[in-house]
Amino acid sequence: MAYFIFNNENSLVKIALNDADKNSLNLNLTAHNVEEVSQNDYNSFVFQESTIGYDGTTVTLSPIDYSVPPDSLFPDKTTQVFMDGDDLKVYLDSCVLPIAKQFLEVISDNSMYDSVQNYYEYLQNLDYSTITYPINYSWEKYCNDNGISFFHPLQIP
């Protein structure tokens, strides 16, 4: 089973693919709401196919409408589209790399350290020109579909 971890304001703060990853989050889990979810629900969120709602008791997933352009009036119902390498670089530089770098600088004895470091190094050396654009779905889905080991930003401890 996978996990969504919420704070006291019912905001999603972390996700975990399994028990080992959940226990590696460096998070006081007793101070958070840890909700067990199916692998399908987990993937739906990670691949930006659904948004998550949480009322303190129930996790609700709402499908994202890919037919609505991302610059519409409803950004929470659309997904990121990467038109070119610059778009992808902005996402990775602002959403993924800083979180991975912070983790790697602070916590070297975590069981996820080597995997996160490998992903970080992969991203640091990524040749954006080798990717076919546009990517009309999440970077994480792209990685999954192309056999690239990845971490969603909320997976990184």
N, C-alpha and C. Protein backbone atom coordinates (compact mmCIF):
# COMPACT_ATOMS: atom_id res chain seq x y z
N MET A 1 0.83 -1.18 0.00
CA MET A 1 0.00 0.00 0.00
C MET A 1 0.87 1.24 0.00
N ALA A 2 0.32 2.32 -0.54
CA ALA A 2 0.98 3.61 -0.59
C ALA A 2 0.33 4.54 0.44
N TYR A 3 0.94 5.70 0.64
CA TYR A 3 0.47 6.60 1.68
C TYR A 3 0.47 8.05 1.22
N PHE A 4 -0.56 8.79 1.66
CA PHE A 4 -0.61 10.24 1.57
C PHE A 4 -0.55 10.74 3.00
N ILE A 5 0.30 11.72 3.25
CA ILE A 5 0.49 12.23 4.60
C ILE A 5 0.08 13.70 4.63
N PHE A 6 -0.86 14.01 5.52
CA PHE A 6 -1.44 15.34 5.61
C PHE A 6 -1.08 15.98 6.94
N ASN A 7 -0.99 17.32 6.94
CA ASN A 7 -0.77 18.04 8.19
C ASN A 7 -2.11 18.30 8.87
N ASN A 8 -2.08 19.03 9.96
CA ASN A 8 -3.30 19.29 10.73
C ASN A 8 -4.28 20.20 10.01
N GLU A 9 -3.83 20.88 8.97
CA GLU A 9 -4.72 21.71 8.16
C GLU A 9 -5.28 20.94 6.96
N ASN A 10 -5.06 19.65 6.94
CA ASN A 10 -5.53 18.75 5.88
C ASN A 10 -4.85 19.00 4.53
N SER A 11 -3.65 19.56 4.57
CA SER A 11 -2.86 19.77 3.35
C SER A 11 -1.89 18.61 3.18
N LEU A 12 -1.75 18.16 1.96
CA LEU A 12 -0.82 17.08 1.65
C LEU A 12 0.60 17.60 1.81
N VAL A 13 1.40 16.89 2.62
CA VAL A 13 2.78 17.32 2.84
C VAL A 13 3.81 16.33 2.31
N LYS A 14 3.47 15.05 2.27
CA LYS A 14 4.39 14.03 1.76
C LYS A 14 3.59 12.87 1.21
N ILE A 15 4.25 12.07 0.39
CA ILE A 15 3.68 10.83 -0.13
C ILE A 15 4.74 9.74 0.01
N ALA A 16 4.28 8.51 0.09
CA ALA A 16 5.22 7.39 0.19
C ALA A 16 4.67 6.21 -0.60
N LEU A 17 5.54 5.58 -1.34
CA LEU A 17 5.16 4.45 -2.17
C LEU A 17 4.91 3.19 -1.35
N ASN A 18 5.59 3.07 -0.20
CA ASN A 18 5.48 1.86 0.61
C ASN A 18 5.86 2.18 2.05
N ASP A 19 5.81 1.17 2.91
CA ASP A 19 6.13 1.37 4.33
C ASP A 19 7.57 1.84 4.53
N ALA A 20 8.51 1.26 3.80
CA ALA A 20 9.92 1.64 3.97
C ALA A 20 10.11 3.11 3.62
N ASP A 21 9.51 3.57 2.52
CA ASP A 21 9.64 4.98 2.15
C ASP A 21 8.94 5.87 3.18
N LYS A 22 7.80 5.44 3.66
CA LYS A 22 7.07 6.22 4.68
C LYS A 22 7.94 6.39 5.92
N ASN A 23 8.61 5.33 6.33
CA ASN A 23 9.43 5.38 7.52
C ASN A 23 10.75 6.13 7.31
N SER A 24 11.07 6.44 6.07
CA SER A 24 12.30 7.18 5.75
C SER A 24 12.06 8.68 5.56
N LEU A 25 10.86 9.14 5.77
CA LEU A 25 10.52 10.53 5.46
C LEU A 25 11.07 11.56 6.44
N ASN A 26 11.65 11.14 7.55
CA ASN A 26 12.14 12.09 8.55
C ASN A 26 11.04 13.06 8.96
N LEU A 27 9.91 12.48 9.27
CA LEU A 27 8.71 13.24 9.62
C LEU A 27 8.09 12.56 10.84
N ASN A 28 7.65 13.35 11.79
CA ASN A 28 6.96 12.80 12.95
C ASN A 28 5.56 12.37 12.50
N LEU A 29 5.42 11.12 12.17
CA LEU A 29 4.16 10.64 11.61
C LEU A 29 3.01 10.69 12.60
N THR A 30 3.30 10.65 13.88
CA THR A 30 2.22 10.73 14.86
C THR A 30 1.59 12.12 14.91
N ALA A 31 2.28 13.11 14.40
CA ALA A 31 1.75 14.47 14.37
C ALA A 31 1.03 14.77 13.05
N HIS A 32 0.90 13.77 12.20
CA HIS A 32 0.28 13.93 10.90
C HIS A 32 -0.81 12.89 10.69
N ASN A 33 -1.65 13.14 9.73
CA ASN A 33 -2.66 12.15 9.34
C ASN A 33 -2.07 11.33 8.20
N VAL A 34 -1.86 10.06 8.44
CA VAL A 34 -1.30 9.15 7.44
C VAL A 34 -2.44 8.31 6.90
N GLU A 35 -2.69 8.48 5.61
CA GLU A 35 -3.81 7.77 4.98
C GLU A 35 -3.26 6.75 3.98
N GLU A 36 -3.69 5.52 4.14
CA GLU A 36 -3.31 4.45 3.23
C GLU A 36 -4.16 4.55 1.97
N VAL A 37 -3.52 4.47 0.81
CA VAL A 37 -4.22 4.56 -0.46
C VAL A 37 -3.75 3.44 -1.38
N SER A 38 -4.53 3.18 -2.40
CA SER A 38 -4.16 2.14 -3.36
C SER A 38 -3.01 2.61 -4.24
N GLN A 39 -2.36 1.65 -4.85
CA GLN A 39 -1.29 1.97 -5.81
C GLN A 39 -1.84 2.80 -6.97
N ASN A 40 -3.05 2.48 -7.41
CA ASN A 40 -3.67 3.24 -8.51
C ASN A 40 -3.91 4.69 -8.13
N ASP A 41 -4.42 4.93 -6.91
CA ASP A 41 -4.63 6.31 -6.46
C ASP A 41 -3.31 7.05 -6.33
N TYR A 42 -2.32 6.38 -5.79
CA TYR A 42 -0.99 6.97 -5.65
C TYR A 42 -0.44 7.38 -7.02
N ASN A 43 -0.49 6.45 -7.98
CA ASN A 43 0.01 6.75 -9.32
C ASN A 43 -0.78 7.86 -9.98
N SER A 44 -2.07 7.88 -9.78
CA SER A 44 -2.91 8.91 -10.37
C SER A 44 -2.47 10.30 -9.91
N PHE A 45 -2.11 10.43 -8.63
CA PHE A 45 -1.61 11.71 -8.13
C PHE A 45 -0.20 11.99 -8.65
N VAL A 46 0.70 11.03 -8.52
CA VAL A 46 2.09 11.23 -8.93
C VAL A 46 2.18 11.61 -10.41
N PHE A 47 1.35 10.99 -11.24
CA PHE A 47 1.39 11.27 -12.67
C PHE A 47 0.53 12.46 -13.06
N GLN A 48 0.05 13.19 -12.06
CA GLN A 48 -0.78 14.39 -12.25
C GLN A 48 -2.01 14.10 -13.09
N GLU A 49 -2.62 12.97 -12.82
CA GLU A 49 -3.88 12.63 -13.46
C GLU A 49 -5.06 12.99 -12.57
N SER A 50 -4.78 13.26 -11.28
CA SER A 50 -5.82 13.61 -10.32
C SER A 50 -5.29 14.62 -9.31
N THR A 51 -6.21 15.41 -8.78
CA THR A 51 -5.90 16.26 -7.64
C THR A 51 -6.44 15.56 -6.40
N ILE A 52 -5.93 15.97 -5.24
CA ILE A 52 -6.32 15.32 -3.99
C ILE A 52 -7.07 16.29 -3.10
N GLY A 53 -8.13 15.79 -2.51
CA GLY A 53 -8.83 16.51 -1.46
C GLY A 53 -8.81 15.67 -0.20
N TYR A 54 -8.85 16.32 0.94
CA TYR A 54 -8.84 15.60 2.21
C TYR A 54 -9.61 16.41 3.23
N ASP A 55 -10.56 15.79 3.89
CA ASP A 55 -11.40 16.48 4.87
C ASP A 55 -11.06 16.10 6.31
N GLY A 56 -9.94 15.45 6.50
CA GLY A 56 -9.55 15.00 7.83
C GLY A 56 -9.90 13.54 8.07
N THR A 57 -10.71 12.99 7.18
CA THR A 57 -11.12 11.60 7.30
C THR A 57 -10.99 10.84 5.99
N THR A 58 -11.44 11.47 4.93
CA THR A 58 -11.53 10.80 3.63
C THR A 58 -10.66 11.49 2.59
N VAL A 59 -9.90 10.67 1.86
CA VAL A 59 -9.11 11.16 0.72
C VAL A 59 -9.99 11.06 -0.51
N THR A 60 -10.05 12.16 -1.28
CA THR A 60 -10.84 12.19 -2.51
C THR A 60 -9.93 12.57 -3.67
N LEU A 61 -9.97 11.79 -4.72
CA LEU A 61 -9.22 12.12 -5.92
C LEU A 61 -10.20 12.60 -6.99
N SER A 62 -9.82 13.70 -7.65
CA SER A 62 -10.63 14.25 -8.73
C SER A 62 -9.79 14.24 -10.00
N PRO A 63 -10.30 13.62 -11.07
CA PRO A 63 -9.54 13.57 -12.31
C PRO A 63 -9.25 14.96 -12.87
N ILE A 64 -8.08 15.10 -13.45
CA ILE A 64 -7.70 16.34 -14.11
C ILE A 64 -8.14 16.25 -15.57
N ASP A 65 -8.73 17.32 -16.06
CA ASP A 65 -9.20 17.37 -17.44
C ASP A 65 -8.07 17.85 -18.34
N TYR A 66 -7.47 16.92 -19.07
CA TYR A 66 -6.35 17.27 -19.94
C TYR A 66 -6.78 18.12 -21.13
N SER A 67 -8.07 18.18 -21.41
CA SER A 67 -8.52 18.96 -22.56
C SER A 67 -8.55 20.46 -22.27
N VAL A 68 -8.42 20.84 -20.99
CA VAL A 68 -8.42 22.25 -20.62
C VAL A 68 -6.98 22.75 -20.67
N PRO A 69 -6.70 23.79 -21.44
CA PRO A 69 -5.32 24.29 -21.51
C PRO A 69 -4.82 24.73 -20.14
N PRO A 70 -3.52 24.53 -19.86
CA PRO A 70 -3.00 24.83 -18.54
C PRO A 70 -3.07 26.30 -18.16
N ASP A 71 -3.18 27.20 -19.13
CA ASP A 71 -3.25 28.61 -18.80
C ASP A 71 -4.70 29.11 -18.69
N SER A 72 -5.61 28.18 -18.50
CA SER A 72 -7.01 28.53 -18.40
C SER A 72 -7.32 29.14 -17.04
N LEU A 73 -8.57 29.41 -16.81
CA LEU A 73 -9.01 29.97 -15.54
C LEU A 73 -9.07 28.92 -14.44
N PHE A 74 -8.84 27.66 -14.78
CA PHE A 74 -8.95 26.58 -13.82
C PHE A 74 -7.64 25.79 -13.73
N PRO A 75 -6.57 26.42 -13.23
CA PRO A 75 -5.27 25.73 -13.22
C PRO A 75 -5.23 24.47 -12.38
N ASP A 76 -6.12 24.35 -11.37
CA ASP A 76 -6.10 23.15 -10.55
C ASP A 76 -6.76 21.97 -11.26
N LYS A 77 -7.35 22.18 -12.40
CA LYS A 77 -8.00 21.10 -13.15
C LYS A 77 -7.21 20.75 -14.42
N THR A 78 -6.01 21.28 -14.54
CA THR A 78 -5.18 21.01 -15.71
C THR A 78 -3.84 20.45 -15.26
N THR A 79 -3.08 19.99 -16.21
CA THR A 79 -1.76 19.48 -15.90
C THR A 79 -0.70 20.31 -16.61
N GLN A 80 0.51 20.21 -16.15
CA GLN A 80 1.63 20.90 -16.75
C GLN A 80 1.88 20.35 -18.15
N VAL A 81 2.14 21.23 -19.09
CA VAL A 81 2.56 20.84 -20.42
C VAL A 81 3.94 21.45 -20.63
N PHE A 82 4.89 20.63 -21.05
CA PHE A 82 6.23 21.12 -21.30
C PHE A 82 6.39 21.26 -22.81
N MET A 83 6.36 22.49 -23.27
CA MET A 83 6.44 22.75 -24.71
C MET A 83 7.86 22.57 -25.24
N ASP A 84 8.85 22.78 -24.37
CA ASP A 84 10.24 22.67 -24.80
C ASP A 84 11.13 22.43 -23.57
N GLY A 85 12.41 22.33 -23.83
CA GLY A 85 13.35 22.07 -22.75
C GLY A 85 13.38 23.17 -21.70
N ASP A 86 13.14 24.40 -22.12
CA ASP A 86 13.12 25.50 -21.15
C ASP A 86 11.99 25.33 -20.15
N ASP A 87 10.80 24.92 -20.62
CA ASP A 87 9.67 24.69 -19.72
C ASP A 87 10.00 23.58 -18.72
N LEU A 88 10.57 22.50 -19.21
CA LEU A 88 10.91 21.39 -18.35
C LEU A 88 11.98 21.79 -17.34
N LYS A 89 12.97 22.53 -17.79
CA LYS A 89 14.05 22.98 -16.91
C LYS A 89 13.51 23.86 -15.78
N VAL A 90 12.57 24.74 -16.10
CA VAL A 90 11.97 25.59 -15.07
C VAL A 90 11.31 24.72 -14.00
N TYR A 91 10.56 23.71 -14.42
CA TYR A 91 9.90 22.81 -13.46
C TYR A 91 10.93 22.10 -12.60
N LEU A 92 11.91 21.48 -13.22
CA LEU A 92 12.90 20.71 -12.46
C LEU A 92 13.73 21.60 -11.55
N ASP A 93 14.13 22.78 -12.06
CA ASP A 93 14.94 23.71 -11.27
C ASP A 93 14.18 24.32 -10.10
N SER A 94 12.88 24.43 -10.22
CA SER A 94 12.12 25.07 -9.15
C SER A 94 11.41 24.08 -8.22
N CYS A 95 11.04 22.92 -8.73
CA CYS A 95 10.22 21.99 -7.94
C CYS A 95 10.93 20.73 -7.47
N VAL A 96 11.92 20.27 -8.19
CA VAL A 96 12.53 18.98 -7.86
C VAL A 96 13.95 19.14 -7.32
N LEU A 97 14.80 19.80 -8.07
CA LEU A 97 16.21 19.88 -7.70
C LEU A 97 16.45 20.53 -6.33
N PRO A 98 15.78 21.62 -5.98
CA PRO A 98 16.04 22.21 -4.66
C PRO A 98 15.70 21.27 -3.50
N ILE A 99 14.61 20.54 -3.62
CA ILE A 99 14.20 19.61 -2.56
C ILE A 99 15.21 18.48 -2.45
N ALA A 100 15.61 17.94 -3.59
CA ALA A 100 16.60 16.85 -3.58
C ALA A 100 17.93 17.34 -3.02
N LYS A 101 18.35 18.52 -3.44
CA LYS A 101 19.64 19.07 -2.97
C LYS A 101 19.62 19.28 -1.46
N GLN A 102 18.54 19.84 -0.95
CA GLN A 102 18.43 20.08 0.49
C GLN A 102 18.51 18.76 1.26
N PHE A 103 17.80 17.76 0.80
CA PHE A 103 17.84 16.44 1.43
C PHE A 103 19.26 15.88 1.41
N LEU A 104 19.92 15.94 0.27
CA LEU A 104 21.25 15.35 0.13
C LEU A 104 22.29 16.07 0.98
N GLU A 105 22.11 17.36 1.21
CA GLU A 105 23.06 18.12 2.01
C GLU A 105 22.90 17.88 3.51
N VAL A 106 21.73 17.43 3.92
CA VAL A 106 21.43 17.34 5.34
C VAL A 106 21.41 15.91 5.87
N ILE A 107 20.90 14.98 5.09
CA ILE A 107 20.62 13.64 5.62
C ILE A 107 21.32 12.58 4.79
N SER A 108 22.51 12.19 5.19
CA SER A 108 23.25 11.20 4.41
C SER A 108 23.02 9.76 4.87
N ASP A 109 22.43 9.58 6.05
CA ASP A 109 22.26 8.22 6.55
C ASP A 109 20.84 7.68 6.34
N ASN A 110 20.07 8.32 5.49
CA ASN A 110 18.71 7.88 5.18
C ASN A 110 18.77 6.75 4.14
N SER A 111 17.87 5.79 4.26
CA SER A 111 17.86 4.66 3.34
C SER A 111 17.55 5.07 1.89
N MET A 112 16.98 6.23 1.70
CA MET A 112 16.66 6.70 0.35
C MET A 112 17.77 7.56 -0.26
N TYR A 113 18.82 7.80 0.50
CA TYR A 113 19.87 8.73 0.08
C TYR A 113 20.46 8.38 -1.29
N ASP A 114 20.91 7.16 -1.47
CA ASP A 114 21.57 6.78 -2.73
C ASP A 114 20.63 6.93 -3.92
N SER A 115 19.37 6.54 -3.76
CA SER A 115 18.42 6.64 -4.87
C SER A 115 18.13 8.09 -5.22
N VAL A 116 17.96 8.92 -4.21
CA VAL A 116 17.71 10.35 -4.47
C VAL A 116 18.95 10.98 -5.10
N GLN A 117 20.12 10.60 -4.62
CA GLN A 117 21.36 11.14 -5.20
C GLN A 117 21.49 10.74 -6.68
N ASN A 118 21.18 9.50 -7.00
CA ASN A 118 21.24 9.06 -8.41
C ASN A 118 20.27 9.87 -9.27
N TYR A 119 19.06 10.11 -8.78
CA TYR A 119 18.08 10.90 -9.52
C TYR A 119 18.56 12.35 -9.66
N TYR A 120 19.10 12.90 -8.60
CA TYR A 120 19.61 14.27 -8.63
C TYR A 120 20.73 14.40 -9.67
N GLU A 121 21.64 13.46 -9.67
CA GLU A 121 22.74 13.50 -10.64
C GLU A 121 22.22 13.32 -12.06
N TYR A 122 21.24 12.45 -12.24
CA TYR A 122 20.62 12.29 -13.55
C TYR A 122 20.05 13.63 -14.04
N LEU A 123 19.34 14.31 -13.17
CA LEU A 123 18.74 15.59 -13.56
C LEU A 123 19.80 16.66 -13.82
N GLN A 124 20.86 16.64 -13.04
CA GLN A 124 21.95 17.62 -13.24
C GLN A 124 22.60 17.43 -14.61
N ASN A 125 22.62 16.22 -15.10
CA ASN A 125 23.29 15.92 -16.37
C ASN A 125 22.31 15.73 -17.53
N LEU A 126 21.04 16.00 -17.30
CA LEU A 126 20.02 15.78 -18.32
C LEU A 126 20.26 16.66 -19.54
N ASP A 127 20.28 16.06 -20.71
CA ASP A 127 20.39 16.79 -21.97
C ASP A 127 18.96 17.00 -22.47
N TYR A 128 18.44 18.19 -22.24
CA TYR A 128 17.06 18.51 -22.57
C TYR A 128 16.77 18.39 -24.07
N SER A 129 17.80 18.47 -24.89
CA SER A 129 17.60 18.40 -26.34
C SER A 129 17.32 16.98 -26.82
N THR A 130 17.52 15.98 -25.97
CA THR A 130 17.28 14.60 -26.37
C THR A 130 15.83 14.17 -26.15
N ILE A 131 15.03 15.06 -25.60
CA ILE A 131 13.64 14.75 -25.29
C ILE A 131 12.75 15.32 -26.38
N THR A 132 11.74 14.55 -26.76
CA THR A 132 10.77 15.00 -27.76
C THR A 132 9.67 15.80 -27.07
N TYR A 133 9.44 17.01 -27.56
CA TYR A 133 8.41 17.91 -27.01
C TYR A 133 7.30 18.08 -28.01
N PRO A 134 6.12 18.45 -27.56
CA PRO A 134 5.79 18.73 -26.18
C PRO A 134 5.58 17.46 -25.38
N ILE A 135 5.73 17.58 -24.07
CA ILE A 135 5.35 16.52 -23.14
C ILE A 135 4.02 16.97 -22.57
N ASN A 136 2.97 16.26 -22.91
CA ASN A 136 1.61 16.67 -22.54
C ASN A 136 1.12 16.01 -21.26
N TYR A 137 2.03 15.67 -20.38
CA TYR A 137 1.69 15.06 -19.11
C TYR A 137 2.86 15.32 -18.17
N SER A 138 2.78 14.84 -16.97
CA SER A 138 3.78 15.16 -15.96
C SER A 138 5.16 14.58 -16.30
N TRP A 139 6.16 15.23 -15.76
CA TRP A 139 7.53 14.73 -15.89
C TRP A 139 7.63 13.33 -15.27
N GLU A 140 6.95 13.12 -14.17
CA GLU A 140 7.01 11.83 -13.49
C GLU A 140 6.41 10.72 -14.36
N LYS A 141 5.34 11.01 -15.07
CA LYS A 141 4.76 10.03 -15.99
C LYS A 141 5.73 9.78 -17.14
N TYR A 142 6.35 10.85 -17.64
CA TYR A 142 7.35 10.69 -18.70
C TYR A 142 8.45 9.74 -18.23
N CYS A 143 8.98 9.97 -17.03
CA CYS A 143 10.03 9.10 -16.50
C CYS A 143 9.54 7.66 -16.39
N ASN A 144 8.37 7.47 -15.83
CA ASN A 144 7.81 6.12 -15.68
C ASN A 144 7.68 5.44 -17.04
N ASP A 145 7.15 6.14 -18.01
CA ASP A 145 6.93 5.57 -19.34
C ASP A 145 8.23 5.26 -20.07
N ASN A 146 9.32 5.94 -19.67
CA ASN A 146 10.60 5.76 -20.35
C ASN A 146 11.63 5.02 -19.50
N GLY A 147 11.17 4.37 -18.44
CA GLY A 147 12.06 3.54 -17.62
C GLY A 147 13.10 4.32 -16.84
N ILE A 148 12.81 5.57 -16.50
CA ILE A 148 13.73 6.41 -15.75
C ILE A 148 13.30 6.39 -14.28
N SER A 149 14.21 6.04 -13.39
CA SER A 149 13.91 6.09 -11.96
C SER A 149 13.73 7.55 -11.56
N PHE A 150 12.69 7.83 -10.79
CA PHE A 150 12.37 9.21 -10.45
C PHE A 150 11.78 9.30 -9.06
N PHE A 151 11.68 10.52 -8.57
CA PHE A 151 10.98 10.83 -7.33
C PHE A 151 10.08 12.02 -7.56
N HIS A 152 8.83 11.89 -7.16
CA HIS A 152 7.95 13.05 -7.10
C HIS A 152 8.50 13.94 -5.99
N PRO A 153 8.41 15.26 -6.11
CA PRO A 153 8.96 16.13 -5.05
C PRO A 153 8.46 15.80 -3.65
N LEU A 154 7.21 15.34 -3.52
CA LEU A 154 6.68 15.02 -2.19
C LEU A 154 7.16 13.67 -1.66
N GLN A 155 7.85 12.91 -2.48
CA GLN A 155 8.43 11.63 -2.03
C GLN A 155 9.78 11.83 -1.35
N ILE A 156 10.45 12.92 -1.66
CA ILE A 156 11.80 13.13 -1.17
C ILE A 156 11.72 13.54 0.30
N PRO A 157 12.43 12.81 1.16
CA PRO A 157 12.38 13.13 2.60
C PRO A 157 12.83 14.56 2.90
